[in-house]
Amino acid sequence: MESVIQTLALAALPVIFAITLHEAAHGYAARHFGDPTAWQAGRISLNPLRHIDLFGTILLPVGILVLSFGSLLFGYAKPVPVNFNRLRRPKQDMFWVAAAGPAANLVMALFWAGLLKLAWEMPTHLYTLPLSEMSKIGISINLVLMVLNLLPLPPLDGGRIAVSLLPMAQSRLLARVEPFGFPILILLLFTGILKSILWPVVELMTRLIQTLFQLY
């Protein structure tokens, strides 16, 4: 239990920013492409407090982390409101709005990789190990969220990207899956299928980042 508490303490900052800045990125992209809905609702902000969902951002990740003895982590923030009909080119611009969230996670993974490299290069002191461990969590959680959200399952970002790219008939068919998307995702999570799908891609991305930053 002590190790789980330590993991929670180190994971809090990376997890909160990974989840909330992902949502903020959707809002920024939507405004850029013509939909001011999130901006009018005050949701285009880098302040995590505007995006935190009590259950999805705090209780659910903590519960899953504790129940899995630190081996699983999953959560979500308040979805940023996007009215795709207000985009200048709704079907085409949906791609960029949906892709903005995973792109933000990739940028944050690179940021934490830079901090990890810095921690390794710094003289050893009281904060070196915590910064190193926090950075490792930051890399992992952002890569997991990026890959997870790129799954072609509405309402995940990958589902919206697929809806944007597919011909109209197929995109409408895929869009109908959205009400069942979250239950399907939870089922995949607790049956272990989701991990078997995500983990090879996450490990590949991790190795690429390790190579890029020479984290050996």
N, C-alpha and C. Protein backbone atom coordinates (compact mmCIF):
# COMPACT_ATOMS: atom_id res chain seq x y z
N MET A 1 0.83 -1.22 0.00
CA MET A 1 0.00 0.00 0.00
C MET A 1 0.86 1.26 0.00
N GLU A 2 2.00 1.20 0.71
CA GLU A 2 2.88 2.37 0.77
C GLU A 2 3.40 2.73 -0.62
N SER A 3 3.73 1.69 -1.40
CA SER A 3 4.23 1.95 -2.75
C SER A 3 3.14 2.57 -3.63
N VAL A 4 1.88 2.15 -3.43
CA VAL A 4 0.76 2.72 -4.19
C VAL A 4 0.59 4.18 -3.84
N ILE A 5 0.69 4.52 -2.55
CA ILE A 5 0.57 5.92 -2.11
C ILE A 5 1.68 6.76 -2.72
N GLN A 6 2.90 6.23 -2.74
CA GLN A 6 4.02 6.95 -3.35
C GLN A 6 3.77 7.17 -4.84
N THR A 7 3.24 6.14 -5.50
CA THR A 7 2.93 6.26 -6.92
C THR A 7 1.86 7.32 -7.16
N LEU A 8 0.83 7.34 -6.29
CA LEU A 8 -0.23 8.35 -6.41
C LEU A 8 0.34 9.75 -6.27
N ALA A 9 1.23 9.95 -5.31
CA ALA A 9 1.81 11.27 -5.07
C ALA A 9 2.62 11.73 -6.28
N LEU A 10 3.39 10.82 -6.85
CA LEU A 10 4.22 11.18 -8.01
C LEU A 10 3.39 11.32 -9.28
N ALA A 11 2.29 10.57 -9.37
CA ALA A 11 1.48 10.56 -10.59
C ALA A 11 0.49 11.72 -10.67
N ALA A 12 0.18 12.34 -9.53
CA ALA A 12 -0.90 13.34 -9.49
C ALA A 12 -0.71 14.44 -10.53
N LEU A 13 0.45 15.08 -10.53
CA LEU A 13 0.68 16.20 -11.45
C LEU A 13 0.69 15.75 -12.92
N PRO A 14 1.46 14.72 -13.29
CA PRO A 14 1.43 14.28 -14.69
C PRO A 14 0.06 13.86 -15.17
N VAL A 15 -0.69 13.15 -14.31
CA VAL A 15 -2.01 12.66 -14.72
C VAL A 15 -2.98 13.81 -14.93
N ILE A 16 -3.02 14.73 -13.99
CA ILE A 16 -3.96 15.86 -14.10
C ILE A 16 -3.69 16.68 -15.35
N PHE A 17 -2.41 16.98 -15.60
CA PHE A 17 -2.11 17.78 -16.79
C PHE A 17 -2.31 16.98 -18.08
N ALA A 18 -2.00 15.68 -18.05
CA ALA A 18 -2.20 14.86 -19.25
C ALA A 18 -3.66 14.85 -19.67
N ILE A 19 -4.55 14.72 -18.69
CA ILE A 19 -5.97 14.63 -18.98
C ILE A 19 -6.57 15.99 -19.33
N THR A 20 -6.23 17.01 -18.54
CA THR A 20 -6.90 18.30 -18.72
C THR A 20 -6.35 19.08 -19.92
N LEU A 21 -5.05 19.03 -20.16
CA LEU A 21 -4.52 19.75 -21.32
C LEU A 21 -4.92 19.08 -22.63
N HIS A 22 -5.17 17.79 -22.57
CA HIS A 22 -5.74 17.08 -23.71
C HIS A 22 -7.08 17.73 -24.10
N GLU A 23 -7.92 17.97 -23.10
CA GLU A 23 -9.23 18.57 -23.37
C GLU A 23 -9.10 20.03 -23.81
N ALA A 24 -8.19 20.76 -23.18
CA ALA A 24 -7.99 22.16 -23.56
C ALA A 24 -7.56 22.27 -25.02
N ALA A 25 -6.75 21.32 -25.48
CA ALA A 25 -6.28 21.35 -26.87
C ALA A 25 -7.45 21.22 -27.84
N HIS A 26 -8.44 20.40 -27.49
CA HIS A 26 -9.64 20.29 -28.34
C HIS A 26 -10.32 21.65 -28.45
N GLY A 27 -10.42 22.35 -27.32
CA GLY A 27 -11.08 23.66 -27.33
C GLY A 27 -10.35 24.68 -28.17
N TYR A 28 -9.01 24.71 -28.04
CA TYR A 28 -8.22 25.64 -28.85
C TYR A 28 -8.39 25.35 -30.33
N ALA A 29 -8.34 24.07 -30.69
CA ALA A 29 -8.48 23.69 -32.10
C ALA A 29 -9.87 24.04 -32.63
N ALA A 30 -10.90 23.77 -31.82
CA ALA A 30 -12.27 24.08 -32.25
C ALA A 30 -12.43 25.57 -32.51
N ARG A 31 -11.91 26.40 -31.61
CA ARG A 31 -12.01 27.85 -31.82
C ARG A 31 -11.28 28.27 -33.09
N HIS A 32 -10.10 27.68 -33.31
CA HIS A 32 -9.32 28.02 -34.49
C HIS A 32 -10.08 27.71 -35.77
N PHE A 33 -10.85 26.62 -35.75
CA PHE A 33 -11.57 26.20 -36.96
C PHE A 33 -13.01 26.69 -36.99
N GLY A 34 -13.37 27.61 -36.10
CA GLY A 34 -14.64 28.30 -36.25
C GLY A 34 -15.69 28.04 -35.21
N ASP A 35 -15.45 27.13 -34.25
CA ASP A 35 -16.46 26.85 -33.23
C ASP A 35 -16.04 27.47 -31.90
N PRO A 36 -16.71 28.55 -31.46
CA PRO A 36 -16.33 29.21 -30.22
C PRO A 36 -17.05 28.66 -28.98
N THR A 37 -17.72 27.51 -29.11
CA THR A 37 -18.54 26.98 -28.01
C THR A 37 -17.74 26.84 -26.73
N ALA A 38 -16.58 26.19 -26.79
CA ALA A 38 -15.76 25.97 -25.60
C ALA A 38 -15.24 27.30 -25.05
N TRP A 39 -14.87 28.20 -25.94
CA TRP A 39 -14.37 29.51 -25.52
C TRP A 39 -15.47 30.30 -24.80
N GLN A 40 -16.68 30.26 -25.33
CA GLN A 40 -17.80 30.97 -24.71
C GLN A 40 -18.16 30.37 -23.37
N ALA A 41 -17.90 29.08 -23.19
CA ALA A 41 -18.19 28.42 -21.92
C ALA A 41 -17.04 28.54 -20.92
N GLY A 42 -15.98 29.24 -21.31
CA GLY A 42 -14.83 29.42 -20.42
C GLY A 42 -13.98 28.18 -20.26
N ARG A 43 -14.04 27.26 -21.24
CA ARG A 43 -13.33 26.00 -21.14
C ARG A 43 -12.01 25.98 -21.90
N ILE A 44 -11.69 27.06 -22.63
CA ILE A 44 -10.39 27.12 -23.28
C ILE A 44 -9.42 27.73 -22.27
N SER A 45 -8.79 26.87 -21.52
CA SER A 45 -7.91 27.31 -20.43
C SER A 45 -6.88 26.24 -20.15
N LEU A 46 -5.66 26.68 -19.77
CA LEU A 46 -4.62 25.75 -19.34
C LEU A 46 -4.73 25.48 -17.84
N ASN A 47 -5.73 26.07 -17.19
CA ASN A 47 -5.96 25.84 -15.77
C ASN A 47 -6.65 24.49 -15.58
N PRO A 48 -5.96 23.49 -14.99
CA PRO A 48 -6.57 22.17 -14.84
C PRO A 48 -7.88 22.18 -14.08
N LEU A 49 -8.06 23.13 -13.17
CA LEU A 49 -9.28 23.17 -12.35
C LEU A 49 -10.54 23.33 -13.21
N ARG A 50 -10.40 23.93 -14.39
CA ARG A 50 -11.55 24.12 -15.27
C ARG A 50 -11.96 22.83 -15.97
N HIS A 51 -11.09 21.84 -15.96
CA HIS A 51 -11.34 20.62 -16.71
C HIS A 51 -11.50 19.39 -15.83
N ILE A 52 -11.16 19.50 -14.54
CA ILE A 52 -11.20 18.34 -13.65
C ILE A 52 -12.63 17.87 -13.44
N ASP A 53 -12.85 16.59 -13.62
CA ASP A 53 -14.11 15.92 -13.29
C ASP A 53 -13.85 15.10 -12.03
N LEU A 54 -14.64 15.32 -10.98
CA LEU A 54 -14.39 14.67 -9.69
C LEU A 54 -14.25 13.16 -9.85
N PHE A 55 -15.15 12.56 -10.61
CA PHE A 55 -15.11 11.11 -10.77
C PHE A 55 -14.01 10.69 -11.75
N GLY A 56 -14.04 11.26 -12.95
CA GLY A 56 -13.16 10.80 -14.01
C GLY A 56 -11.70 11.16 -13.85
N THR A 57 -11.43 12.33 -13.23
CA THR A 57 -10.05 12.79 -13.11
C THR A 57 -9.41 12.40 -11.79
N ILE A 58 -10.23 12.16 -10.77
CA ILE A 58 -9.66 11.89 -9.44
C ILE A 58 -10.07 10.51 -8.93
N LEU A 59 -11.38 10.28 -8.72
CA LEU A 59 -11.82 9.04 -8.07
C LEU A 59 -11.54 7.80 -8.93
N LEU A 60 -11.85 7.87 -10.22
CA LEU A 60 -11.65 6.71 -11.08
C LEU A 60 -10.18 6.32 -11.22
N PRO A 61 -9.27 7.28 -11.54
CA PRO A 61 -7.85 6.90 -11.64
C PRO A 61 -7.29 6.35 -10.32
N VAL A 62 -7.65 6.99 -9.19
CA VAL A 62 -7.16 6.52 -7.90
C VAL A 62 -7.69 5.11 -7.61
N GLY A 63 -8.99 4.91 -7.87
CA GLY A 63 -9.60 3.60 -7.60
C GLY A 63 -8.96 2.50 -8.43
N ILE A 64 -8.77 2.76 -9.74
CA ILE A 64 -8.18 1.75 -10.61
C ILE A 64 -6.73 1.49 -10.21
N LEU A 65 -6.00 2.54 -9.85
CA LEU A 65 -4.60 2.38 -9.46
C LEU A 65 -4.48 1.54 -8.19
N VAL A 66 -5.37 1.78 -7.23
CA VAL A 66 -5.34 1.03 -5.98
C VAL A 66 -5.76 -0.42 -6.21
N LEU A 67 -6.87 -0.63 -6.95
CA LEU A 67 -7.38 -1.99 -7.17
C LEU A 67 -6.42 -2.84 -8.02
N SER A 68 -5.64 -2.16 -8.88
CA SER A 68 -4.70 -2.91 -9.72
C SER A 68 -3.30 -2.94 -9.12
N PHE A 69 -3.17 -2.46 -7.85
CA PHE A 69 -1.89 -2.42 -7.15
C PHE A 69 -0.82 -1.68 -7.95
N GLY A 70 -1.26 -0.56 -8.55
CA GLY A 70 -0.32 0.31 -9.25
C GLY A 70 -0.01 -0.08 -10.67
N SER A 71 -0.69 -1.08 -11.24
CA SER A 71 -0.35 -1.55 -12.58
C SER A 71 -1.24 -0.98 -13.68
N LEU A 72 -2.38 -0.37 -13.32
CA LEU A 72 -3.30 0.19 -14.31
C LEU A 72 -3.64 1.62 -13.94
N LEU A 73 -3.85 2.43 -14.97
CA LEU A 73 -4.25 3.81 -14.72
C LEU A 73 -5.14 4.26 -15.86
N PHE A 74 -6.30 4.83 -15.52
CA PHE A 74 -7.25 5.28 -16.54
C PHE A 74 -8.09 6.40 -15.96
N GLY A 75 -8.39 7.40 -16.77
CA GLY A 75 -9.23 8.50 -16.29
C GLY A 75 -9.63 9.41 -17.45
N TYR A 76 -10.42 10.41 -17.13
CA TYR A 76 -10.84 11.36 -18.14
C TYR A 76 -11.21 12.68 -17.47
N ALA A 77 -11.24 13.75 -18.26
CA ALA A 77 -11.64 15.07 -17.76
C ALA A 77 -13.03 15.40 -18.30
N LYS A 78 -13.56 16.55 -17.87
CA LYS A 78 -14.83 17.00 -18.45
C LYS A 78 -14.63 17.23 -19.94
N PRO A 79 -15.42 16.59 -20.77
CA PRO A 79 -15.25 16.80 -22.21
C PRO A 79 -15.47 18.27 -22.57
N VAL A 80 -14.58 18.81 -23.39
CA VAL A 80 -14.75 20.18 -23.86
C VAL A 80 -15.92 20.20 -24.85
N PRO A 81 -16.88 21.12 -24.67
CA PRO A 81 -18.02 21.17 -25.60
C PRO A 81 -17.59 21.63 -26.99
N VAL A 82 -17.86 20.81 -27.97
CA VAL A 82 -17.56 21.17 -29.37
C VAL A 82 -18.81 20.95 -30.19
N ASN A 83 -19.22 21.99 -30.91
CA ASN A 83 -20.35 21.89 -31.84
C ASN A 83 -19.77 21.78 -33.25
N PHE A 84 -19.68 20.54 -33.75
CA PHE A 84 -19.02 20.33 -35.03
C PHE A 84 -19.74 21.03 -36.17
N ASN A 85 -21.02 21.30 -36.01
CA ASN A 85 -21.78 21.99 -37.06
C ASN A 85 -21.35 23.44 -37.21
N ARG A 86 -20.68 23.99 -36.17
CA ARG A 86 -20.23 25.38 -36.24
C ARG A 86 -18.83 25.52 -36.84
N LEU A 87 -18.18 24.39 -37.07
CA LEU A 87 -16.87 24.44 -37.74
C LEU A 87 -17.05 24.91 -39.17
N ARG A 88 -16.03 25.54 -39.71
CA ARG A 88 -16.16 26.07 -41.08
C ARG A 88 -16.39 24.96 -42.09
N ARG A 89 -15.67 23.86 -41.93
CA ARG A 89 -15.89 22.67 -42.78
C ARG A 89 -16.07 21.49 -41.83
N PRO A 90 -17.29 21.25 -41.36
CA PRO A 90 -17.51 20.32 -40.25
C PRO A 90 -16.82 18.97 -40.39
N LYS A 91 -16.99 18.30 -41.51
CA LYS A 91 -16.44 16.95 -41.63
C LYS A 91 -14.91 16.98 -41.69
N GLN A 92 -14.34 17.91 -42.47
CA GLN A 92 -12.89 17.96 -42.61
C GLN A 92 -12.23 18.49 -41.33
N ASP A 93 -12.81 19.55 -40.74
CA ASP A 93 -12.18 20.16 -39.57
C ASP A 93 -12.31 19.29 -38.32
N MET A 94 -13.29 18.37 -38.32
CA MET A 94 -13.42 17.43 -37.20
C MET A 94 -12.10 16.66 -37.00
N PHE A 95 -11.41 16.37 -38.09
CA PHE A 95 -10.13 15.65 -38.01
C PHE A 95 -9.16 16.42 -37.11
N TRP A 96 -8.99 17.71 -37.37
CA TRP A 96 -7.99 18.50 -36.64
C TRP A 96 -8.40 18.73 -35.19
N VAL A 97 -9.69 18.93 -34.96
CA VAL A 97 -10.16 19.12 -33.58
C VAL A 97 -9.94 17.84 -32.78
N ALA A 98 -10.26 16.70 -33.36
CA ALA A 98 -10.08 15.42 -32.67
C ALA A 98 -8.61 15.10 -32.47
N ALA A 99 -7.78 15.40 -33.47
CA ALA A 99 -6.36 15.07 -33.39
C ALA A 99 -5.60 15.95 -32.41
N ALA A 100 -6.17 17.10 -32.06
CA ALA A 100 -5.47 18.04 -31.18
C ALA A 100 -5.19 17.44 -29.80
N GLY A 101 -6.12 16.63 -29.27
CA GLY A 101 -5.93 16.03 -27.95
C GLY A 101 -4.76 15.07 -27.90
N PRO A 102 -4.73 14.04 -28.77
CA PRO A 102 -3.56 13.15 -28.80
C PRO A 102 -2.26 13.88 -29.11
N ALA A 103 -2.33 14.91 -29.97
CA ALA A 103 -1.13 15.69 -30.27
C ALA A 103 -0.60 16.38 -29.01
N ALA A 104 -1.52 16.88 -28.17
CA ALA A 104 -1.11 17.51 -26.91
C ALA A 104 -0.43 16.50 -26.00
N ASN A 105 -0.94 15.27 -25.97
CA ASN A 105 -0.32 14.23 -25.16
C ASN A 105 1.08 13.88 -25.66
N LEU A 106 1.26 13.87 -26.96
CA LEU A 106 2.59 13.61 -27.52
C LEU A 106 3.57 14.70 -27.12
N VAL A 107 3.13 15.96 -27.20
CA VAL A 107 3.99 17.08 -26.80
C VAL A 107 4.35 16.96 -25.32
N MET A 108 3.37 16.59 -24.48
CA MET A 108 3.66 16.45 -23.05
C MET A 108 4.59 15.28 -22.77
N ALA A 109 4.44 14.18 -23.53
CA ALA A 109 5.36 13.05 -23.37
C ALA A 109 6.79 13.48 -23.67
N LEU A 110 6.96 14.29 -24.72
CA LEU A 110 8.28 14.80 -25.07
C LEU A 110 8.80 15.76 -23.98
N PHE A 111 7.90 16.56 -23.42
CA PHE A 111 8.28 17.47 -22.33
C PHE A 111 8.81 16.69 -21.13
N TRP A 112 8.08 15.64 -20.72
CA TRP A 112 8.50 14.84 -19.57
C TRP A 112 9.78 14.09 -19.88
N ALA A 113 9.97 13.68 -21.14
CA ALA A 113 11.22 13.02 -21.53
C ALA A 113 12.40 13.99 -21.38
N GLY A 114 12.16 15.26 -21.74
CA GLY A 114 13.20 16.27 -21.55
C GLY A 114 13.53 16.46 -20.08
N LEU A 115 12.50 16.46 -19.22
CA LEU A 115 12.73 16.60 -17.78
C LEU A 115 13.47 15.38 -17.23
N LEU A 116 13.14 14.19 -17.75
CA LEU A 116 13.83 12.98 -17.29
C LEU A 116 15.31 13.05 -17.66
N LYS A 117 15.59 13.48 -18.88
CA LYS A 117 16.99 13.63 -19.31
C LYS A 117 17.71 14.64 -18.41
N LEU A 118 17.03 15.74 -18.08
CA LEU A 118 17.61 16.75 -17.19
C LEU A 118 17.89 16.17 -15.81
N ALA A 119 16.94 15.41 -15.29
CA ALA A 119 17.12 14.80 -13.96
C ALA A 119 18.32 13.86 -13.95
N TRP A 120 18.52 13.14 -15.04
CA TRP A 120 19.65 12.21 -15.12
C TRP A 120 20.98 12.95 -15.24
N GLU A 121 20.94 14.14 -15.85
CA GLU A 121 22.17 14.89 -16.06
C GLU A 121 22.55 15.74 -14.85
N MET A 122 21.57 16.04 -13.99
CA MET A 122 21.82 16.89 -12.82
C MET A 122 22.62 16.13 -11.76
N PRO A 123 23.38 16.86 -10.94
CA PRO A 123 24.03 16.21 -9.78
C PRO A 123 22.96 15.62 -8.86
N THR A 124 23.23 14.48 -8.29
CA THR A 124 22.26 13.80 -7.43
C THR A 124 21.98 14.63 -6.18
N HIS A 125 20.69 14.87 -5.92
CA HIS A 125 20.27 15.57 -4.69
C HIS A 125 18.89 15.09 -4.31
N LEU A 126 18.27 15.74 -3.35
CA LEU A 126 17.01 15.28 -2.76
C LEU A 126 15.89 15.14 -3.79
N TYR A 127 15.88 16.00 -4.82
CA TYR A 127 14.76 16.03 -5.76
C TYR A 127 15.03 15.24 -7.05
N THR A 128 16.22 14.73 -7.22
CA THR A 128 16.57 14.05 -8.47
C THR A 128 15.71 12.81 -8.70
N LEU A 129 15.62 11.94 -7.71
CA LEU A 129 14.86 10.70 -7.87
C LEU A 129 13.37 10.96 -8.04
N PRO A 130 12.72 11.82 -7.19
CA PRO A 130 11.30 12.09 -7.42
C PRO A 130 11.02 12.69 -8.80
N LEU A 131 11.88 13.61 -9.26
CA LEU A 131 11.68 14.20 -10.58
C LEU A 131 11.82 13.15 -11.67
N SER A 132 12.78 12.26 -11.50
CA SER A 132 12.99 11.19 -12.47
C SER A 132 11.77 10.27 -12.53
N GLU A 133 11.27 9.85 -11.37
CA GLU A 133 10.12 8.94 -11.34
C GLU A 133 8.86 9.62 -11.85
N MET A 134 8.66 10.89 -11.49
CA MET A 134 7.50 11.64 -11.98
C MET A 134 7.55 11.79 -13.50
N SER A 135 8.75 12.02 -14.02
CA SER A 135 8.90 12.17 -15.47
C SER A 135 8.60 10.87 -16.19
N LYS A 136 9.02 9.75 -15.62
CA LYS A 136 8.72 8.45 -16.23
C LYS A 136 7.21 8.22 -16.29
N ILE A 137 6.52 8.58 -15.20
CA ILE A 137 5.06 8.47 -15.18
C ILE A 137 4.44 9.39 -16.22
N GLY A 138 4.99 10.62 -16.32
CA GLY A 138 4.49 11.58 -17.30
C GLY A 138 4.60 11.06 -18.72
N ILE A 139 5.72 10.44 -19.04
CA ILE A 139 5.90 9.86 -20.37
C ILE A 139 4.86 8.75 -20.59
N SER A 140 4.76 7.86 -19.63
CA SER A 140 3.87 6.70 -19.77
C SER A 140 2.42 7.09 -19.91
N ILE A 141 1.93 7.95 -18.99
CA ILE A 141 0.51 8.29 -19.00
C ILE A 141 0.13 9.03 -20.27
N ASN A 142 1.01 9.90 -20.76
CA ASN A 142 0.69 10.64 -21.98
C ASN A 142 0.70 9.74 -23.20
N LEU A 143 1.62 8.80 -23.25
CA LEU A 143 1.64 7.88 -24.39
C LEU A 143 0.42 6.95 -24.35
N VAL A 144 0.05 6.50 -23.15
CA VAL A 144 -1.13 5.64 -23.03
C VAL A 144 -2.38 6.39 -23.47
N LEU A 145 -2.53 7.63 -22.99
CA LEU A 145 -3.71 8.42 -23.37
C LEU A 145 -3.72 8.73 -24.86
N MET A 146 -2.56 9.01 -25.42
CA MET A 146 -2.48 9.29 -26.85
C MET A 146 -2.93 8.08 -27.66
N VAL A 147 -2.33 6.92 -27.36
CA VAL A 147 -2.66 5.71 -28.12
C VAL A 147 -4.10 5.29 -27.88
N LEU A 148 -4.55 5.37 -26.61
CA LEU A 148 -5.93 5.02 -26.28
C LEU A 148 -6.91 5.86 -27.07
N ASN A 149 -6.68 7.16 -27.10
CA ASN A 149 -7.62 8.06 -27.76
C ASN A 149 -7.58 7.96 -29.27
N LEU A 150 -6.55 7.32 -29.81
CA LEU A 150 -6.49 7.14 -31.26
C LEU A 150 -7.18 5.86 -31.73
N LEU A 151 -7.72 5.08 -30.77
CA LEU A 151 -8.51 3.91 -31.18
C LEU A 151 -9.73 4.38 -31.97
N PRO A 152 -10.05 3.73 -33.08
CA PRO A 152 -11.18 4.18 -33.92
C PRO A 152 -12.54 3.80 -33.35
N LEU A 153 -12.80 4.26 -32.14
CA LEU A 153 -14.05 3.95 -31.46
C LEU A 153 -14.67 5.25 -30.94
N PRO A 154 -15.75 5.73 -31.57
CA PRO A 154 -16.41 6.92 -31.01
C PRO A 154 -16.91 6.63 -29.59
N PRO A 155 -16.83 7.57 -28.64
CA PRO A 155 -16.48 8.98 -28.84
C PRO A 155 -15.01 9.30 -28.65
N LEU A 156 -14.13 8.31 -28.69
CA LEU A 156 -12.70 8.59 -28.62
C LEU A 156 -12.27 9.41 -29.83
N ASP A 157 -11.15 10.10 -29.70
CA ASP A 157 -10.69 10.96 -30.78
C ASP A 157 -10.44 10.18 -32.06
N GLY A 158 -9.92 8.96 -31.92
CA GLY A 158 -9.70 8.14 -33.11
C GLY A 158 -10.98 7.83 -33.84
N GLY A 159 -12.07 7.67 -33.09
CA GLY A 159 -13.37 7.46 -33.71
C GLY A 159 -13.81 8.67 -34.51
N ARG A 160 -13.60 9.85 -33.94
CA ARG A 160 -13.98 11.08 -34.65
C ARG A 160 -13.07 11.31 -35.86
N ILE A 161 -11.79 10.95 -35.72
CA ILE A 161 -10.88 11.05 -36.87
C ILE A 161 -11.36 10.13 -37.98
N ALA A 162 -11.75 8.91 -37.61
CA ALA A 162 -12.26 7.96 -38.61
C ALA A 162 -13.54 8.47 -39.26
N VAL A 163 -14.43 9.04 -38.46
CA VAL A 163 -15.67 9.61 -39.00
C VAL A 163 -15.35 10.72 -39.99
N SER A 164 -14.33 11.50 -39.69
CA SER A 164 -13.93 12.59 -40.58
C SER A 164 -13.36 12.09 -41.90
N LEU A 165 -12.62 10.97 -41.84
CA LEU A 165 -11.91 10.49 -43.02
C LEU A 165 -12.73 9.55 -43.90
N LEU A 166 -13.67 8.82 -43.29
CA LEU A 166 -14.44 7.84 -44.04
C LEU A 166 -15.45 8.52 -44.98
N PRO A 167 -15.84 7.83 -46.05
CA PRO A 167 -16.95 8.34 -46.88
C PRO A 167 -18.21 8.52 -46.03
N MET A 168 -19.10 9.36 -46.50
CA MET A 168 -20.24 9.78 -45.69
C MET A 168 -21.07 8.60 -45.16
N ALA A 169 -21.36 7.62 -45.99
CA ALA A 169 -22.20 6.49 -45.56
C ALA A 169 -21.54 5.72 -44.42
N GLN A 170 -20.24 5.43 -44.57
CA GLN A 170 -19.52 4.69 -43.54
C GLN A 170 -19.32 5.52 -42.28
N SER A 171 -19.10 6.81 -42.45
CA SER A 171 -18.88 7.68 -41.28
C SER A 171 -20.15 7.78 -40.44
N ARG A 172 -21.30 7.83 -41.10
CA ARG A 172 -22.57 7.87 -40.37
C ARG A 172 -22.80 6.57 -39.61
N LEU A 173 -22.42 5.46 -40.22
CA LEU A 173 -22.57 4.17 -39.57
C LEU A 173 -21.68 4.08 -38.33
N LEU A 174 -20.43 4.52 -38.46
CA LEU A 174 -19.52 4.49 -37.32
C LEU A 174 -19.98 5.44 -36.22
N ALA A 175 -20.52 6.59 -36.60
CA ALA A 175 -20.97 7.57 -35.61
C ALA A 175 -22.08 7.01 -34.72
N ARG A 176 -22.84 6.05 -35.22
CA ARG A 176 -23.94 5.46 -34.44
C ARG A 176 -23.42 4.62 -33.28
N VAL A 177 -22.14 4.27 -33.31
CA VAL A 177 -21.56 3.46 -32.23
C VAL A 177 -21.31 4.31 -30.99
N GLU A 178 -21.30 5.64 -31.13
CA GLU A 178 -20.88 6.53 -30.05
C GLU A 178 -21.58 6.29 -28.72
N PRO A 179 -22.91 6.09 -28.65
CA PRO A 179 -23.55 5.87 -27.34
C PRO A 179 -23.04 4.63 -26.61
N PHE A 180 -22.47 3.68 -27.36
CA PHE A 180 -21.98 2.44 -26.75
C PHE A 180 -20.46 2.42 -26.57
N GLY A 181 -19.81 3.51 -26.99
CA GLY A 181 -18.35 3.54 -26.99
C GLY A 181 -17.73 3.38 -25.61
N PHE A 182 -18.23 4.13 -24.64
CA PHE A 182 -17.62 4.09 -23.31
C PHE A 182 -17.84 2.74 -22.62
N PRO A 183 -19.06 2.16 -22.64
CA PRO A 183 -19.22 0.81 -22.08
C PRO A 183 -18.33 -0.22 -22.75
N ILE A 184 -18.16 -0.12 -24.07
CA ILE A 184 -17.27 -1.05 -24.78
C ILE A 184 -15.84 -0.88 -24.27
N LEU A 185 -15.44 0.37 -24.07
CA LEU A 185 -14.08 0.65 -23.60
C LEU A 185 -13.83 0.08 -22.21
N ILE A 186 -14.79 0.26 -21.30
CA ILE A 186 -14.65 -0.27 -19.94
C ILE A 186 -14.58 -1.80 -19.98
N LEU A 187 -15.40 -2.42 -20.83
CA LEU A 187 -15.37 -3.87 -20.97
C LEU A 187 -14.00 -4.34 -21.45
N LEU A 188 -13.46 -3.66 -22.44
CA LEU A 188 -12.14 -4.01 -22.97
C LEU A 188 -11.06 -3.82 -21.91
N LEU A 189 -11.22 -2.79 -21.08
CA LEU A 189 -10.24 -2.50 -20.03
C LEU A 189 -10.17 -3.62 -19.02
N PHE A 190 -11.33 -4.03 -18.51
CA PHE A 190 -11.35 -4.99 -17.41
C PHE A 190 -11.22 -6.44 -17.88
N THR A 191 -11.33 -6.69 -19.18
CA THR A 191 -11.07 -8.03 -19.69
C THR A 191 -9.62 -8.21 -20.11
N GLY A 192 -8.85 -7.12 -20.09
CA GLY A 192 -7.45 -7.20 -20.47
C GLY A 192 -7.20 -7.05 -21.95
N ILE A 193 -8.27 -7.01 -22.75
CA ILE A 193 -8.12 -6.88 -24.20
C ILE A 193 -7.52 -5.53 -24.57
N LEU A 194 -7.96 -4.50 -23.85
CA LEU A 194 -7.48 -3.14 -24.15
C LEU A 194 -5.97 -3.05 -23.97
N LYS A 195 -5.47 -3.65 -22.89
CA LYS A 195 -4.03 -3.61 -22.62
C LYS A 195 -3.25 -4.32 -23.72
N SER A 196 -3.77 -5.46 -24.19
CA SER A 196 -3.08 -6.21 -25.24
C SER A 196 -3.06 -5.45 -26.56
N ILE A 197 -4.05 -4.58 -26.77
CA ILE A 197 -4.10 -3.76 -27.98
C ILE A 197 -3.14 -2.58 -27.86
N LEU A 198 -3.19 -1.91 -26.70
CA LEU A 198 -2.44 -0.67 -26.52
C LEU A 198 -0.96 -0.88 -26.29
N TRP A 199 -0.63 -1.91 -25.50
CA TRP A 199 0.73 -1.98 -24.96
C TRP A 199 1.83 -2.09 -26.01
N PRO A 200 1.65 -2.89 -27.08
CA PRO A 200 2.71 -2.94 -28.10
C PRO A 200 3.00 -1.57 -28.72
N VAL A 201 1.95 -0.79 -28.97
CA VAL A 201 2.13 0.53 -29.57
C VAL A 201 2.79 1.48 -28.56
N VAL A 202 2.34 1.43 -27.29
CA VAL A 202 2.93 2.28 -26.26
C VAL A 202 4.40 1.96 -26.08
N GLU A 203 4.74 0.67 -26.08
CA GLU A 203 6.14 0.27 -25.93
C GLU A 203 6.98 0.75 -27.11
N LEU A 204 6.43 0.69 -28.30
CA LEU A 204 7.14 1.18 -29.48
C LEU A 204 7.40 2.68 -29.37
N MET A 205 6.37 3.44 -28.99
CA MET A 205 6.53 4.88 -28.83
C MET A 205 7.53 5.21 -27.72
N THR A 206 7.50 4.43 -26.65
CA THR A 206 8.43 4.64 -25.55
C THR A 206 9.87 4.46 -26.02
N ARG A 207 10.10 3.40 -26.80
CA ARG A 207 11.46 3.15 -27.31
C ARG A 207 11.91 4.27 -28.26
N LEU A 208 10.99 4.78 -29.06
CA LEU A 208 11.33 5.88 -29.96
C LEU A 208 11.75 7.13 -29.17
N ILE A 209 11.01 7.43 -28.10
CA ILE A 209 11.34 8.59 -27.27
C ILE A 209 12.66 8.37 -26.53
N GLN A 210 12.86 7.15 -26.05
CA GLN A 210 14.13 6.83 -25.39
C GLN A 210 15.31 7.04 -26.34
N THR A 211 15.12 6.64 -27.59
CA THR A 211 16.17 6.82 -28.59
C THR A 211 16.39 8.29 -28.90
N LEU A 212 15.29 9.03 -29.05
CA LEU A 212 15.37 10.45 -29.38
C LEU A 212 16.11 11.24 -28.30
N PHE A 213 15.83 10.92 -27.03
CA PHE A 213 16.45 11.67 -25.93
C PHE A 213 17.65 10.94 -25.32
N GLN A 214 18.01 9.81 -25.93
CA GLN A 214 19.15 9.01 -25.44
C GLN A 214 18.97 8.66 -23.96
N LEU A 215 17.82 8.11 -23.64
CA LEU A 215 17.50 7.72 -22.27
C LEU A 215 17.84 6.25 -22.07
N TYR A 216 19.11 5.99 -21.92
CA TYR A 216 19.57 4.61 -21.76
C TYR A 216 20.17 4.42 -20.38
